[in-house]
PDB file of all heavy atoms in Angstrom:
ATOM      1  N   ALA A   1      17.967 -11.259  -2.635  1.00  0.00           N
ATOM      2  CA  ALA A   1      17.951 -11.267  -4.090  1.00  0.00           C
ATOM      3  C   ALA A   1      16.817 -12.175  -4.573  1.00  0.00           C
ATOM      4  O   ALA A   1      16.378 -13.069  -3.835  1.00  0.00           O
ATOM      5  CB  ALA A   1      19.287 -11.758  -4.622  1.00  0.00           C
ATOM      6  N   PRO A   2      16.356 -11.972  -5.793  1.00  0.00           N
ATOM      7  CA  PRO A   2      15.263 -12.805  -6.324  1.00  0.00           C
ATOM      8  C   PRO A   2      15.605 -14.286  -6.263  1.00  0.00           C
ATOM      9  O   PRO A   2      16.686 -14.702  -6.687  1.00  0.00           O
ATOM     10  CB  PRO A   2      15.134 -12.328  -7.768  1.00  0.00           C
ATOM     11  CG  PRO A   2      15.645 -10.928  -7.755  1.00  0.00           C
ATOM     12  CD  PRO A   2      16.750 -10.921  -6.739  1.00  0.00           C
ATOM     13  N   GLY A   3      14.684 -15.056  -5.709  1.00  0.00           N
ATOM     14  CA  GLY A   3      14.878 -16.497  -5.640  1.00  0.00           C
ATOM     15  C   GLY A   3      15.841 -16.969  -4.572  1.00  0.00           C
ATOM     16  O   GLY A   3      16.143 -18.158  -4.487  1.00  0.00           O
ATOM     17  N   LYS A   4      16.331 -16.036  -3.754  1.00  0.00           N
ATOM     18  CA  LYS A   4      17.297 -16.408  -2.716  1.00  0.00           C
ATOM     19  C   LYS A   4      16.774 -16.041  -1.331  1.00  0.00           C
ATOM     20  O   LYS A   4      15.858 -15.234  -1.190  1.00  0.00           O
ATOM     21  CB  LYS A   4      18.636 -15.716  -2.970  1.00  0.00           C
ATOM     22  CG  LYS A   4      19.327 -16.161  -4.250  1.00  0.00           C
ATOM     23  CD  LYS A   4      20.708 -15.575  -4.347  1.00  0.00           C
ATOM     24  CE  LYS A   4      21.444 -16.078  -5.588  1.00  0.00           C
ATOM     25  NZ  LYS A   4      22.815 -15.522  -5.693  1.00  0.00           N
ATOM     26  N   GLU A   5      17.396 -16.625  -0.323  1.00  0.00           N
ATOM     27  CA  GLU A   5      17.015 -16.310   1.040  1.00  0.00           C
ATOM     28  C   GLU A   5      17.608 -14.961   1.461  1.00  0.00           C
ATOM     29  O   GLU A   5      18.612 -14.504   0.916  1.00  0.00           O
ATOM     30  CB  GLU A   5      17.499 -17.406   1.989  1.00  0.00           C
ATOM     31  CG  GLU A   5      16.837 -18.747   1.765  1.00  0.00           C
ATOM     32  CD  GLU A   5      17.254 -19.770   2.807  1.00  0.00           C
ATOM     33  OE1 GLU A   5      18.201 -19.502   3.565  1.00  0.00           O
ATOM     34  OE2 GLU A   5      16.623 -20.842   2.864  1.00  0.00           O
ATOM     35  N   ARG A   6      16.977 -14.364   2.443  1.00  0.00           N
ATOM     36  CA  ARG A   6      17.495 -13.119   3.000  1.00  0.00           C
ATOM     37  C   ARG A   6      18.838 -13.403   3.682  1.00  0.00           C
ATOM     38  O   ARG A   6      18.986 -14.404   4.390  1.00  0.00           O
ATOM     39  CB  ARG A   6      16.506 -12.530   3.994  1.00  0.00           C
ATOM     40  CG  ARG A   6      16.812 -11.111   4.412  1.00  0.00           C
ATOM     41  CD  ARG A   6      15.653 -10.504   5.209  1.00  0.00           C
ATOM     42  NE  ARG A   6      14.424 -10.455   4.419  1.00  0.00           N
ATOM     43  CZ  ARG A   6      13.328  -9.820   4.816  1.00  0.00           C
ATOM     44  NH1 ARG A   6      13.317  -9.149   5.964  1.00  0.00           N
ATOM     45  NH2 ARG A   6      12.253  -9.829   4.055  1.00  0.00           N
ATOM     46  N   GLU A   7      19.799 -12.506   3.462  1.00  0.00           N
ATOM     47  CA  GLU A   7      21.124 -12.741   4.024  1.00  0.00           C
ATOM     48  C   GLU A   7      21.643 -11.504   4.746  1.00  0.00           C
ATOM     49  O   GLU A   7      21.278 -10.365   4.427  1.00  0.00           O
ATOM     50  CB  GLU A   7      22.113 -13.135   2.918  1.00  0.00           C
ATOM     51  CG  GLU A   7      22.370 -12.061   1.885  1.00  0.00           C
ATOM     52  CD  GLU A   7      23.445 -12.464   0.877  1.00  0.00           C
ATOM     53  OE1 GLU A   7      23.921 -13.604   0.919  1.00  0.00           O
ATOM     54  OE2 GLU A   7      23.801 -11.601   0.051  1.00  0.00           O
ATOM     55  N   PHE A   8      22.519 -11.755   5.673  1.00  0.00           N
ATOM     56  CA  PHE A   8      23.139 -10.705   6.468  1.00  0.00           C
ATOM     57  C   PHE A   8      24.102  -9.882   5.616  1.00  0.00           C
ATOM     58  O   PHE A   8      24.829 -10.422   4.788  1.00  0.00           O
ATOM     59  CB  PHE A   8      23.894 -11.336   7.635  1.00  0.00           C
ATOM     60  CG  PHE A   8      24.772 -10.382   8.383  1.00  0.00           C
ATOM     61  CD1 PHE A   8      24.224  -9.470   9.264  1.00  0.00           C
ATOM     62  CD2 PHE A   8      26.144 -10.399   8.200  1.00  0.00           C
ATOM     63  CE1 PHE A   8      25.036  -8.583   9.953  1.00  0.00           C
ATOM     64  CE2 PHE A   8      26.970  -9.530   8.882  1.00  0.00           C
ATOM     65  CZ  PHE A   8      26.406  -8.614   9.768  1.00  0.00           C
ATOM     66  N   VAL A   9      24.104  -8.564   5.854  1.00  0.00           N
ATOM     67  CA  VAL A   9      25.032  -7.670   5.169  1.00  0.00           C
ATOM     68  C   VAL A   9      25.961  -6.992   6.180  1.00  0.00           C
ATOM     69  O   VAL A   9      27.179  -7.073   6.064  1.00  0.00           O
ATOM     70  CB  VAL A   9      24.275  -6.603   4.354  1.00  0.00           C
ATOM     71  CG1 VAL A   9      25.257  -5.590   3.757  1.00  0.00           C
ATOM     72  CG2 VAL A   9      23.436  -7.245   3.260  1.00  0.00           C
ATOM     73  N   ALA A  10      25.368  -6.300   7.154  1.00  0.00           N
ATOM     74  CA  ALA A  10      26.188  -5.542   8.108  1.00  0.00           C
ATOM     75  C   ALA A  10      25.388  -5.307   9.375  1.00  0.00           C
ATOM     76  O   ALA A  10      24.149  -5.301   9.344  1.00  0.00           O
ATOM     77  CB  ALA A  10      26.623  -4.213   7.514  1.00  0.00           C
ATOM     78  N   ALA A  11      26.089  -5.099  10.490  1.00  0.00           N
ATOM     79  CA  ALA A  11      25.422  -4.822  11.751  1.00  0.00           C
ATOM     80  C   ALA A  11      26.273  -3.890  12.592  1.00  0.00           C
ATOM     81  O   ALA A  11      27.503  -3.874  12.476  1.00  0.00           O
ATOM     82  CB  ALA A  11      25.158  -6.121  12.515  1.00  0.00           C
ATOM     83  N   MET A  12      25.594  -3.129  13.438  1.00  0.00           N
ATOM     84  CA  MET A  12      26.279  -2.160  14.288  1.00  0.00           C
ATOM     85  C   MET A  12      25.632  -2.154  15.668  1.00  0.00           C
ATOM     86  O   MET A  12      24.424  -2.295  15.788  1.00  0.00           O
ATOM     87  CB  MET A  12      26.232  -0.776  13.643  1.00  0.00           C
ATOM     88  CG  MET A  12      26.840   0.353  14.439  1.00  0.00           C
ATOM     89  SD  MET A  12      27.143   1.817  13.446  1.00  0.00           S
ATOM     90  CE  MET A  12      28.772   1.437  12.798  1.00  0.00           C
ATOM     91  N   SER A  13      26.440  -1.939  16.686  1.00  0.00           N
ATOM     92  CA  SER A  13      25.949  -1.905  18.057  1.00  0.00           C
ATOM     93  C   SER A  13      25.198  -0.612  18.350  1.00  0.00           C
ATOM     94  O   SER A  13      25.185   0.320  17.544  1.00  0.00           O
ATOM     95  CB  SER A  13      27.127  -2.043  19.019  1.00  0.00           C
ATOM     96  OG  SER A  13      28.026  -0.945  18.844  1.00  0.00           O
ATOM     97  N   ARG A  14      24.605  -0.555  19.527  1.00  0.00           N
ATOM     98  CA  ARG A  14      23.844   0.627  19.937  1.00  0.00           C
ATOM     99  C   ARG A  14      24.671   1.897  19.845  1.00  0.00           C
ATOM    100  O   ARG A  14      24.202   2.929  19.388  1.00  0.00           O
ATOM    101  CB  ARG A  14      23.376   0.448  21.381  1.00  0.00           C
ATOM    102  CG  ARG A  14      22.325  -0.586  21.604  1.00  0.00           C
ATOM    103  CD  ARG A  14      22.065  -0.760  23.101  1.00  0.00           C
ATOM    104  NE  ARG A  14      21.726   0.506  23.739  1.00  0.00           N
ATOM    105  CZ  ARG A  14      21.652   0.677  25.053  1.00  0.00           C
ATOM    106  NH1 ARG A  14      21.899  -0.345  25.861  1.00  0.00           N
ATOM    107  NH2 ARG A  14      21.324   1.836  25.566  1.00  0.00           N
ATOM    108  N   SER A  15      25.871   1.823  20.320  1.00  0.00           N
ATOM    109  CA  SER A  15      26.725   3.015  20.362  1.00  0.00           C
ATOM    110  C   SER A  15      27.412   3.306  19.042  1.00  0.00           C
ATOM    111  O   SER A  15      27.919   4.410  18.825  1.00  0.00           O
ATOM    112  CB  SER A  15      27.797   2.828  21.433  1.00  0.00           C
ATOM    113  OG  SER A  15      28.665   1.774  21.064  1.00  0.00           O
ATOM    114  N   GLY A  16      27.453   2.324  18.171  1.00  0.00           N
ATOM    115  CA  GLY A  16      28.182   2.477  16.916  1.00  0.00           C
ATOM    116  C   GLY A  16      29.631   2.068  17.011  1.00  0.00           C
ATOM    117  O   GLY A  16      30.353   2.080  16.015  1.00  0.00           O
ATOM    118  N   GLY A  17      30.065   1.668  18.195  1.00  0.00           N
ATOM    119  CA  GLY A  17      31.465   1.344  18.371  1.00  0.00           C
ATOM    120  C   GLY A  17      31.861  -0.045  17.925  1.00  0.00           C
ATOM    121  O   GLY A  17      33.055  -0.344  17.771  1.00  0.00           O
ATOM    122  N   THR A  18      30.890  -0.892  17.712  1.00  0.00           N
ATOM    123  CA  THR A  18      31.153  -2.266  17.276  1.00  0.00           C
ATOM    124  C   THR A  18      30.361  -2.547  16.015  1.00  0.00           C
ATOM    125  O   THR A  18      29.184  -2.174  15.920  1.00  0.00           O
ATOM    126  CB  THR A  18      30.740  -3.277  18.365  1.00  0.00           C
ATOM    127  OG1 THR A  18      31.317  -2.896  19.613  1.00  0.00           O
ATOM    128  CG2 THR A  18      31.191  -4.673  18.001  1.00  0.00           C
ATOM    129  N   PHE A  19      30.992  -3.198  15.047  1.00  0.00           N
ATOM    130  CA  PHE A  19      30.300  -3.479  13.802  1.00  0.00           C
ATOM    131  C   PHE A  19      30.919  -4.713  13.159  1.00  0.00           C
ATOM    132  O   PHE A  19      32.031  -5.134  13.495  1.00  0.00           O
ATOM    133  CB  PHE A  19      30.343  -2.285  12.846  1.00  0.00           C
ATOM    134  CG  PHE A  19      31.692  -1.646  12.736  1.00  0.00           C
ATOM    135  CD1 PHE A  19      32.638  -2.129  11.847  1.00  0.00           C
ATOM    136  CD2 PHE A  19      32.024  -0.566  13.547  1.00  0.00           C
ATOM    137  CE1 PHE A  19      33.891  -1.550  11.754  1.00  0.00           C
ATOM    138  CE2 PHE A  19      33.271   0.032  13.464  1.00  0.00           C
ATOM    139  CZ  PHE A  19      34.215  -0.466  12.565  1.00  0.00           C
ATOM    140  N   THR A  20      30.160  -5.278  12.233  1.00  0.00           N
ATOM    141  CA  THR A  20      30.618  -6.467  11.523  1.00  0.00           C
ATOM    142  C   THR A  20      29.995  -6.488  10.137  1.00  0.00           C
ATOM    143  O   THR A  20      28.931  -5.882   9.913  1.00  0.00           O
ATOM    144  CB  THR A  20      30.257  -7.740  12.310  1.00  0.00           C
ATOM    145  OG1 THR A  20      30.798  -8.882  11.653  1.00  0.00           O
ATOM    146  CG2 THR A  20      28.745  -7.913  12.426  1.00  0.00           C
ATOM    147  N   TYR A  21      30.662  -7.183   9.219  1.00  0.00           N
ATOM    148  CA  TYR A  21      30.218  -7.230   7.836  1.00  0.00           C
ATOM    149  C   TYR A  21      30.236  -8.660   7.311  1.00  0.00           C
ATOM    150  O   TYR A  21      31.032  -9.494   7.751  1.00  0.00           O
ATOM    151  CB  TYR A  21      31.135  -6.399   6.943  1.00  0.00           C
ATOM    152  CG  TYR A  21      31.153  -4.927   7.269  1.00  0.00           C
ATOM    153  CD1 TYR A  21      32.169  -4.383   8.064  1.00  0.00           C
ATOM    154  CD2 TYR A  21      30.156  -4.077   6.794  1.00  0.00           C
ATOM    155  CE1 TYR A  21      32.185  -3.027   8.366  1.00  0.00           C
ATOM    156  CE2 TYR A  21      30.175  -2.726   7.087  1.00  0.00           C
ATOM    157  CZ  TYR A  21      31.187  -2.205   7.876  1.00  0.00           C
ATOM    158  OH  TYR A  21      31.208  -0.868   8.175  1.00  0.00           O
ATOM    159  N   ALA A  22      29.382  -8.909   6.335  1.00  0.00           N
ATOM    160  CA  ALA A  22      29.464 -10.158   5.586  1.00  0.00           C
ATOM    161  C   ALA A  22      30.737 -10.130   4.745  1.00  0.00           C
ATOM    162  O   ALA A  22      31.159  -9.073   4.264  1.00  0.00           O
ATOM    163  CB  ALA A  22      28.243 -10.316   4.686  1.00  0.00           C
ATOM    164  N   ASP A  23      31.325 -11.280   4.555  1.00  0.00           N
ATOM    165  CA  ASP A  23      32.570 -11.359   3.781  1.00  0.00           C
ATOM    166  C   ASP A  23      32.383 -10.852   2.355  1.00  0.00           C
ATOM    167  O   ASP A  23      33.295 -10.266   1.768  1.00  0.00           O
ATOM    168  CB  ASP A  23      33.068 -12.799   3.755  1.00  0.00           C
ATOM    169  CG  ASP A  23      33.625 -13.244   5.093  1.00  0.00           C
ATOM    170  OD1 ASP A  23      33.928 -12.367   5.936  1.00  0.00           O
ATOM    171  OD2 ASP A  23      33.760 -14.461   5.302  1.00  0.00           O
ATOM    172  N   SER A  24      31.210 -11.062   1.794  1.00  0.00           N
ATOM    173  CA  SER A  24      30.965 -10.719   0.395  1.00  0.00           C
ATOM    174  C   SER A  24      31.015  -9.223   0.123  1.00  0.00           C
ATOM    175  O   SER A  24      31.212  -8.799  -1.022  1.00  0.00           O
ATOM    176  CB  SER A  24      29.621 -11.277  -0.057  1.00  0.00           C
ATOM    177  OG  SER A  24      28.575 -10.719   0.726  1.00  0.00           O
ATOM    178  N   ILE A  25      30.826  -8.411   1.134  1.00  0.00           N
ATOM    179  CA  ILE A  25      30.800  -6.960   0.941  1.00  0.00           C
ATOM    180  C   ILE A  25      31.883  -6.242   1.731  1.00  0.00           C
ATOM    181  O   ILE A  25      31.984  -5.015   1.653  1.00  0.00           O
ATOM    182  CB  ILE A  25      29.417  -6.380   1.271  1.00  0.00           C
ATOM    183  CG1 ILE A  25      28.998  -6.710   2.720  1.00  0.00           C
ATOM    184  CG2 ILE A  25      28.373  -6.904   0.304  1.00  0.00           C
ATOM    185  CD1 ILE A  25      29.477  -5.750   3.763  1.00  0.00           C
ATOM    186  N   LYS A  26      32.668  -6.961   2.465  1.00  0.00           N
ATOM    187  CA  LYS A  26      33.703  -6.354   3.294  1.00  0.00           C
ATOM    188  C   LYS A  26      34.675  -5.555   2.431  1.00  0.00           C
ATOM    189  O   LYS A  26      35.127  -6.021   1.381  1.00  0.00           O
ATOM    190  CB  LYS A  26      34.447  -7.440   4.073  1.00  0.00           C
ATOM    191  CG  LYS A  26      35.228  -6.933   5.265  1.00  0.00           C
ATOM    192  CD  LYS A  26      35.776  -8.098   6.068  1.00  0.00           C
ATOM    193  CE  LYS A  26      34.686  -8.895   6.727  1.00  0.00           C
ATOM    194  NZ  LYS A  26      35.208  -9.985   7.577  1.00  0.00           N
ATOM    195  N   GLY A  27      34.949  -4.327   2.872  1.00  0.00           N
ATOM    196  CA  GLY A  27      35.842  -3.448   2.128  1.00  0.00           C
ATOM    197  C   GLY A  27      35.134  -2.581   1.107  1.00  0.00           C
ATOM    198  O   GLY A  27      35.725  -1.646   0.562  1.00  0.00           O
ATOM    199  N   ARG A  28      33.865  -2.889   0.834  1.00  0.00           N
ATOM    200  CA  ARG A  28      33.097  -2.093  -0.142  1.00  0.00           C
ATOM    201  C   ARG A  28      31.934  -1.345   0.510  1.00  0.00           C
ATOM    202  O   ARG A  28      31.567  -0.264   0.061  1.00  0.00           O
ATOM    203  CB  ARG A  28      32.553  -3.000  -1.252  1.00  0.00           C
ATOM    204  CG  ARG A  28      33.631  -3.741  -2.032  1.00  0.00           C
ATOM    205  CD  ARG A  28      33.038  -4.451  -3.235  1.00  0.00           C
ATOM    206  NE  ARG A  28      32.116  -5.519  -2.860  1.00  0.00           N
ATOM    207  CZ  ARG A  28      30.828  -5.551  -3.209  1.00  0.00           C
ATOM    208  NH1 ARG A  28      30.314  -4.579  -3.937  1.00  0.00           N
ATOM    209  NH2 ARG A  28      30.062  -6.581  -2.853  1.00  0.00           N
ATOM    210  N   PHE A  29      31.353  -1.921   1.547  1.00  0.00           N
ATOM    211  CA  PHE A  29      30.212  -1.313   2.228  1.00  0.00           C
ATOM    212  C   PHE A  29      30.638  -0.822   3.616  1.00  0.00           C
ATOM    213  O   PHE A  29      31.500  -1.428   4.263  1.00  0.00           O
ATOM    214  CB  PHE A  29      29.092  -2.326   2.412  1.00  0.00           C
ATOM    215  CG  PHE A  29      28.397  -2.762   1.151  1.00  0.00           C
ATOM    216  CD1 PHE A  29      28.890  -2.441  -0.115  1.00  0.00           C
ATOM    217  CD2 PHE A  29      27.222  -3.507   1.224  1.00  0.00           C
ATOM    218  CE1 PHE A  29      28.247  -2.847  -1.269  1.00  0.00           C
ATOM    219  CE2 PHE A  29      26.554  -3.919   0.088  1.00  0.00           C
ATOM    220  CZ  PHE A  29      27.077  -3.603  -1.158  1.00  0.00           C
TER     221      PHE A  29
END
C-alpha cells in the first residue's frame, strides 16, 4: 500500500496441497 512496506498475503506449495494466508485476509481471499 502507499507509504507502507510490502507485506505477505498468501502462499501455496508447488503441488498446491499446502497453503497459508495472512490473518488480515483469512476467510476472504
